[in-house]
N, C-alpha and C. Protein backbone atom coordinates (compact mmCIF):
# COMPACT_ATOMS: atom_id res chain seq x y z
N MET A 1 23.99 -71.90 -32.92
CA MET A 1 24.12 -70.63 -32.70
C MET A 1 22.83 -69.96 -32.81
N SER A 2 22.39 -69.21 -31.86
CA SER A 2 21.28 -68.66 -31.72
C SER A 2 21.27 -67.22 -32.59
N PRO A 3 20.08 -67.09 -33.17
CA PRO A 3 20.06 -65.70 -34.07
C PRO A 3 20.05 -64.65 -33.18
N ASP A 4 20.48 -63.47 -33.73
CA ASP A 4 20.52 -62.06 -32.99
C ASP A 4 18.97 -61.52 -33.16
N LEU A 5 18.23 -61.77 -32.03
CA LEU A 5 16.84 -61.21 -31.90
C LEU A 5 16.78 -59.72 -31.98
N ARG A 6 17.89 -59.03 -31.70
CA ARG A 6 17.74 -57.52 -31.58
C ARG A 6 17.47 -57.25 -33.18
N GLY A 7 17.72 -57.77 -34.09
CA GLY A 7 17.53 -57.51 -35.37
C GLY A 7 16.11 -57.33 -35.72
N LEU A 8 15.37 -58.15 -34.97
CA LEU A 8 13.83 -58.36 -35.08
C LEU A 8 13.25 -56.85 -35.03
N ALA A 9 13.76 -56.15 -34.24
CA ALA A 9 13.19 -54.71 -33.94
C ALA A 9 13.34 -53.81 -35.27
N ASP A 10 14.19 -54.14 -36.18
CA ASP A 10 14.51 -53.38 -37.27
C ASP A 10 13.51 -53.84 -38.52
N LEU A 11 12.76 -54.74 -38.35
CA LEU A 11 11.91 -55.11 -39.33
C LEU A 11 10.73 -54.35 -39.72
N ASP A 12 10.23 -54.30 -41.02
CA ASP A 12 9.38 -53.40 -41.56
C ASP A 12 8.16 -53.79 -40.75
N ARG A 13 7.40 -52.93 -39.98
CA ARG A 13 6.41 -53.13 -38.96
C ARG A 13 5.18 -53.25 -39.98
N VAL A 14 4.95 -52.59 -40.86
CA VAL A 14 3.79 -52.88 -41.98
C VAL A 14 3.70 -54.11 -42.18
N ILE A 15 4.89 -54.86 -42.79
CA ILE A 15 4.76 -56.23 -43.14
C ILE A 15 4.89 -57.13 -42.25
N HIS A 16 5.32 -56.94 -41.12
CA HIS A 16 5.81 -57.80 -40.01
C HIS A 16 4.27 -58.34 -39.35
N GLU A 17 3.44 -57.31 -39.13
CA GLU A 17 2.13 -57.75 -38.63
C GLU A 17 1.64 -59.00 -39.27
N PRO A 18 1.28 -60.04 -38.57
CA PRO A 18 0.88 -61.31 -38.90
C PRO A 18 -0.31 -61.48 -40.01
N ALA A 19 -1.14 -60.61 -39.78
CA ALA A 19 -2.23 -60.71 -41.00
C ALA A 19 -1.94 -59.89 -42.22
N ARG A 20 -1.05 -58.95 -42.25
CA ARG A 20 -0.53 -58.34 -43.56
C ARG A 20 0.58 -59.08 -44.15
N LEU A 21 1.32 -59.83 -43.24
CA LEU A 21 2.33 -60.69 -43.93
C LEU A 21 1.60 -61.81 -44.53
N VAL A 22 0.59 -62.39 -44.16
CA VAL A 22 -0.14 -63.32 -44.91
C VAL A 22 -0.84 -62.69 -46.24
N ILE A 23 -1.21 -61.51 -46.07
CA ILE A 23 -2.03 -60.94 -47.26
C ILE A 23 -0.81 -60.56 -48.29
N ALA A 24 0.43 -60.05 -47.78
CA ALA A 24 1.37 -59.62 -48.66
C ALA A 24 2.16 -61.02 -49.43
N THR A 25 2.05 -62.02 -48.73
CA THR A 25 2.59 -63.55 -49.27
C THR A 25 1.54 -63.93 -50.38
N ILE A 26 0.31 -63.77 -50.07
CA ILE A 26 -0.61 -64.23 -51.28
C ILE A 26 -0.41 -63.33 -52.36
N LEU A 27 -0.39 -61.93 -52.15
CA LEU A 27 -0.34 -61.07 -53.26
C LEU A 27 1.18 -61.28 -54.01
N SER A 28 2.13 -61.70 -53.41
CA SER A 28 3.26 -62.00 -53.96
C SER A 28 3.46 -62.63 -54.98
N ILE A 29 2.56 -63.70 -54.95
CA ILE A 29 2.73 -64.87 -55.92
C ILE A 29 1.18 -64.65 -57.09
N ALA A 30 0.53 -63.75 -56.70
CA ALA A 30 -0.70 -63.53 -57.49
C ALA A 30 -0.61 -62.06 -58.31
N GLU A 31 -1.02 -62.15 -59.24
CA GLU A 31 -0.85 -60.61 -59.97
C GLU A 31 -1.77 -59.77 -59.18
N SER A 32 -2.94 -60.29 -58.85
CA SER A 32 -3.92 -59.53 -57.90
C SER A 32 -4.79 -60.51 -57.47
N ALA A 33 -5.68 -60.26 -56.34
CA ALA A 33 -6.45 -60.95 -55.83
C ALA A 33 -7.79 -60.16 -55.59
N ASP A 34 -9.03 -60.84 -55.70
CA ASP A 34 -10.30 -60.14 -55.18
C ASP A 34 -10.27 -60.23 -53.57
N PHE A 35 -11.13 -59.30 -53.05
CA PHE A 35 -11.44 -58.99 -51.66
C PHE A 35 -11.77 -60.51 -51.00
N LEU A 36 -12.89 -60.99 -51.73
CA LEU A 36 -13.32 -62.48 -51.20
C LEU A 36 -12.54 -63.43 -51.14
N TYR A 37 -11.73 -63.46 -52.04
CA TYR A 37 -10.69 -64.53 -52.16
C TYR A 37 -9.54 -64.35 -50.81
N LEU A 38 -9.13 -63.12 -50.78
CA LEU A 38 -8.23 -62.79 -49.56
C LEU A 38 -8.80 -63.05 -48.37
N GLN A 39 -10.15 -62.77 -48.32
CA GLN A 39 -10.88 -63.16 -47.02
C GLN A 39 -10.93 -64.50 -46.53
N ARG A 40 -11.25 -65.27 -47.66
CA ARG A 40 -11.54 -66.75 -47.58
C ARG A 40 -10.07 -67.25 -47.19
N GLU A 41 -8.91 -66.94 -47.97
CA GLU A 41 -7.46 -67.62 -47.67
C GLU A 41 -7.03 -67.10 -46.35
N THR A 42 -7.18 -65.80 -45.76
CA THR A 42 -6.69 -65.41 -44.63
C THR A 42 -7.39 -65.65 -43.53
N GLY A 43 -8.81 -66.07 -43.51
CA GLY A 43 -9.72 -66.21 -42.45
C GLY A 43 -10.09 -64.97 -41.81
N LEU A 44 -9.73 -63.69 -42.23
CA LEU A 44 -9.90 -62.52 -41.49
C LEU A 44 -11.54 -62.11 -41.85
N THR A 45 -12.00 -61.42 -40.94
CA THR A 45 -13.44 -60.82 -41.01
C THR A 45 -13.33 -59.79 -42.12
N LYS A 46 -14.44 -59.16 -42.73
CA LYS A 46 -14.42 -58.24 -43.75
C LYS A 46 -13.66 -56.89 -43.17
N GLY A 47 -14.12 -56.55 -42.01
CA GLY A 47 -13.60 -55.40 -41.27
C GLY A 47 -12.29 -55.54 -40.93
N ASN A 48 -11.65 -56.60 -40.41
CA ASN A 48 -10.27 -56.80 -40.19
C ASN A 48 -9.52 -56.66 -41.39
N LEU A 49 -10.02 -57.37 -42.59
CA LEU A 49 -9.23 -57.41 -43.88
C LEU A 49 -9.11 -55.97 -44.46
N SER A 50 -10.27 -55.42 -44.35
CA SER A 50 -10.36 -53.90 -44.82
C SER A 50 -9.36 -53.04 -44.19
N PHE A 51 -9.38 -53.18 -42.90
CA PHE A 51 -8.25 -52.49 -41.95
C PHE A 51 -6.97 -52.71 -42.40
N HIS A 52 -6.53 -53.89 -42.67
CA HIS A 52 -5.21 -54.41 -43.00
C HIS A 52 -4.79 -53.88 -44.42
N LEU A 53 -5.83 -53.95 -45.33
CA LEU A 53 -5.62 -53.60 -46.76
C LEU A 53 -5.27 -52.01 -46.63
N THR A 54 -6.02 -51.31 -46.03
CA THR A 54 -5.77 -49.90 -45.78
C THR A 54 -4.51 -49.49 -45.31
N LYS A 55 -4.01 -50.36 -44.33
CA LYS A 55 -2.67 -50.17 -43.73
C LYS A 55 -1.70 -50.47 -44.93
N LEU A 56 -1.77 -51.38 -45.80
CA LEU A 56 -0.90 -51.43 -46.76
C LEU A 56 -0.98 -50.54 -47.86
N GLU A 57 -2.42 -50.21 -48.19
CA GLU A 57 -2.36 -49.06 -49.09
C GLU A 57 -1.64 -47.80 -48.75
N GLU A 58 -1.99 -47.30 -47.53
CA GLU A 58 -1.38 -45.99 -46.72
C GLU A 58 0.11 -46.06 -46.91
N ALA A 59 0.71 -47.28 -46.88
CA ALA A 59 2.18 -47.36 -46.92
C ALA A 59 2.68 -47.44 -48.38
N GLY A 60 1.76 -47.40 -49.19
CA GLY A 60 2.34 -47.43 -50.84
C GLY A 60 2.37 -49.08 -51.30
N TYR A 61 2.11 -50.01 -50.24
CA TYR A 61 2.46 -51.38 -50.50
C TYR A 61 1.37 -52.06 -51.40
N ALA A 62 0.22 -51.69 -51.34
CA ALA A 62 -1.02 -52.14 -52.03
C ALA A 62 -1.87 -51.23 -52.92
N ALA A 63 -2.32 -51.75 -54.10
CA ALA A 63 -3.04 -50.83 -54.79
C ALA A 63 -4.61 -51.48 -54.87
N ILE A 64 -5.67 -50.70 -54.51
CA ILE A 64 -6.86 -51.35 -54.36
C ILE A 64 -7.64 -50.73 -55.36
N GLU A 65 -8.39 -51.52 -56.08
CA GLU A 65 -9.16 -51.14 -57.30
C GLU A 65 -10.76 -51.63 -57.08
N LYS A 66 -11.61 -50.64 -57.02
CA LYS A 66 -13.05 -50.96 -56.81
C LYS A 66 -13.55 -50.94 -58.15
N THR A 67 -14.16 -51.97 -58.68
CA THR A 67 -14.95 -51.99 -60.17
C THR A 67 -15.87 -52.97 -59.76
N TYR A 68 -16.51 -53.40 -61.03
CA TYR A 68 -17.59 -54.22 -61.10
C TYR A 68 -17.49 -55.46 -61.92
N LYS A 69 -17.92 -56.59 -61.69
CA LYS A 69 -18.06 -57.77 -62.61
C LYS A 69 -19.50 -57.87 -62.91
N GLY A 70 -19.99 -57.35 -63.94
CA GLY A 70 -21.28 -57.37 -64.22
C GLY A 70 -21.88 -56.24 -63.46
N LYS A 71 -22.82 -56.63 -62.58
CA LYS A 71 -23.56 -55.67 -61.74
C LYS A 71 -23.12 -55.69 -60.31
N VAL A 72 -22.07 -56.75 -60.18
CA VAL A 72 -21.62 -57.10 -58.77
C VAL A 72 -20.29 -56.30 -58.62
N PRO A 73 -20.38 -55.64 -57.38
CA PRO A 73 -19.20 -54.88 -56.86
C PRO A 73 -17.86 -55.71 -56.78
N LEU A 74 -16.70 -55.33 -57.24
CA LEU A 74 -15.50 -56.15 -57.21
C LEU A 74 -14.39 -55.32 -56.76
N THR A 75 -13.95 -55.79 -55.54
CA THR A 75 -12.40 -55.05 -55.12
C THR A 75 -11.30 -55.97 -55.44
N LEU A 76 -10.29 -55.59 -56.12
CA LEU A 76 -9.24 -56.07 -56.48
C LEU A 76 -8.00 -55.43 -55.84
N VAL A 77 -7.14 -56.22 -55.45
CA VAL A 77 -5.72 -55.85 -54.71
C VAL A 77 -4.71 -56.43 -55.29
N ARG A 78 -3.68 -55.68 -55.34
CA ARG A 78 -2.30 -56.12 -55.86
C ARG A 78 -1.10 -55.37 -55.06
N LEU A 79 -0.12 -56.05 -54.89
CA LEU A 79 1.08 -55.40 -54.40
C LEU A 79 1.67 -54.37 -55.58
N THR A 80 2.23 -53.30 -55.06
CA THR A 80 2.80 -52.35 -55.97
C THR A 80 4.06 -52.71 -55.92
N PRO A 81 4.99 -52.14 -56.88
CA PRO A 81 6.36 -52.48 -57.06
C PRO A 81 7.12 -52.24 -55.53
N THR A 82 6.63 -51.13 -55.02
CA THR A 82 7.29 -50.81 -53.53
C THR A 82 6.82 -51.80 -52.54
N GLY A 83 5.56 -52.38 -52.67
CA GLY A 83 5.14 -53.35 -51.59
C GLY A 83 5.83 -54.70 -51.87
N LEU A 84 6.11 -55.04 -53.23
CA LEU A 84 6.73 -56.46 -53.76
C LEU A 84 8.22 -56.16 -53.21
N LYS A 85 8.73 -54.91 -53.17
CA LYS A 85 10.11 -54.97 -52.84
C LYS A 85 10.16 -55.05 -51.21
N ALA A 86 9.37 -54.32 -50.62
CA ALA A 86 9.27 -54.46 -49.08
C ALA A 86 8.99 -55.89 -48.76
N TYR A 87 8.09 -56.58 -49.39
CA TYR A 87 8.16 -57.96 -49.03
C TYR A 87 9.07 -58.93 -49.14
N LYS A 88 9.78 -58.72 -50.30
CA LYS A 88 11.18 -59.39 -50.53
C LYS A 88 12.12 -59.01 -49.52
N ASP A 89 12.25 -57.68 -49.28
CA ASP A 89 13.42 -57.12 -48.41
C ASP A 89 13.18 -57.84 -46.91
N TYR A 90 11.92 -57.84 -46.56
CA TYR A 90 11.39 -58.67 -45.18
C TYR A 90 11.90 -59.80 -45.11
N ARG A 91 11.57 -60.63 -46.13
CA ARG A 91 11.86 -62.23 -46.23
C ARG A 91 13.40 -62.15 -46.05
N ALA A 92 14.18 -61.50 -46.92
CA ALA A 92 15.62 -61.58 -47.08
C ALA A 92 16.00 -61.16 -45.42
N ARG A 93 15.59 -60.21 -44.99
CA ARG A 93 16.15 -60.08 -43.55
C ARG A 93 15.64 -61.06 -42.45
N VAL A 94 14.55 -61.51 -42.63
CA VAL A 94 14.31 -62.59 -41.66
C VAL A 94 15.22 -63.99 -41.67
N LYS A 95 15.26 -64.23 -43.18
CA LYS A 95 16.15 -65.22 -43.39
C LYS A 95 17.55 -65.03 -42.95
N THR A 96 18.06 -64.02 -43.09
CA THR A 96 19.41 -63.59 -42.62
C THR A 96 19.65 -63.55 -41.06
N LEU A 97 18.50 -63.13 -40.27
CA LEU A 97 18.53 -63.16 -39.00
C LEU A 97 18.65 -64.58 -38.41
N PHE A 98 17.99 -65.42 -38.87
CA PHE A 98 17.94 -66.71 -38.54
C PHE A 98 19.09 -67.85 -39.24
N GLU A 99 19.69 -67.13 -40.01
CA GLU A 99 20.96 -68.02 -40.40
C GLU A 99 22.12 -67.88 -39.81
N LYS A 100 22.13 -66.98 -38.73
CA LYS A 100 23.46 -66.46 -38.08
C LYS A 100 23.46 -67.47 -36.82
């Protein structure tokens, strides 16, 4: 039986975007990650990663902390409880769509 693809239109657009889905997936298993780690793991450019992190932050899904490690700037990112819930809900919804 084929999945009801109409349900795809109801997916959370913030999480559904491929780059943000990869970021959310990484952050869902890590307490936090620094910007350079995320850039390396996602393969995104600095500008593109910044754009997607801003979208996640604006949605309340990610918290971004700018700090220093010694004298070196360090940007840490983590999923908020709202972001983790949105990610888990997204995964459950996709799984349900394709199990039908």
